[in-house]
Amino acid sequence: MDIGPMNHNSALPAAAPVIPADRAAENREVIQAVKAVNNAAWFGDQNELTFQMDLRTHRMLMRVINRNTREVVDQYPAEYILRIAADLTK
């Protein structure tokens, strides 16, 4: 078996960020709450609540998404608020 030198230019997978235990517990609670809301169909049978990080402002978004079309039905904060926040940070 031939073992060659290690290629130091190859990309290594990024290490997963370390999340403090209290933050991880909060994340689990939010996930459970979102699952409960979606199971109760608070936003209708065809919609679901999701959370997503806005890449421009680095703020969390709450979105109501149509399960069939994946269309955004509603979003908090609204898109125009995100644009204002992005403009203020320039």
Foldseek 3Di string as FASTA:
>chain_A
DDDDDDDPPDDDDDDDDDDDPVVVVVVVVVVVVQVVCQVVQVVHVQWGWDWDQDPQQRDIKIFIAGNPPRDTPDIPPDPVVVVVNSVVVD
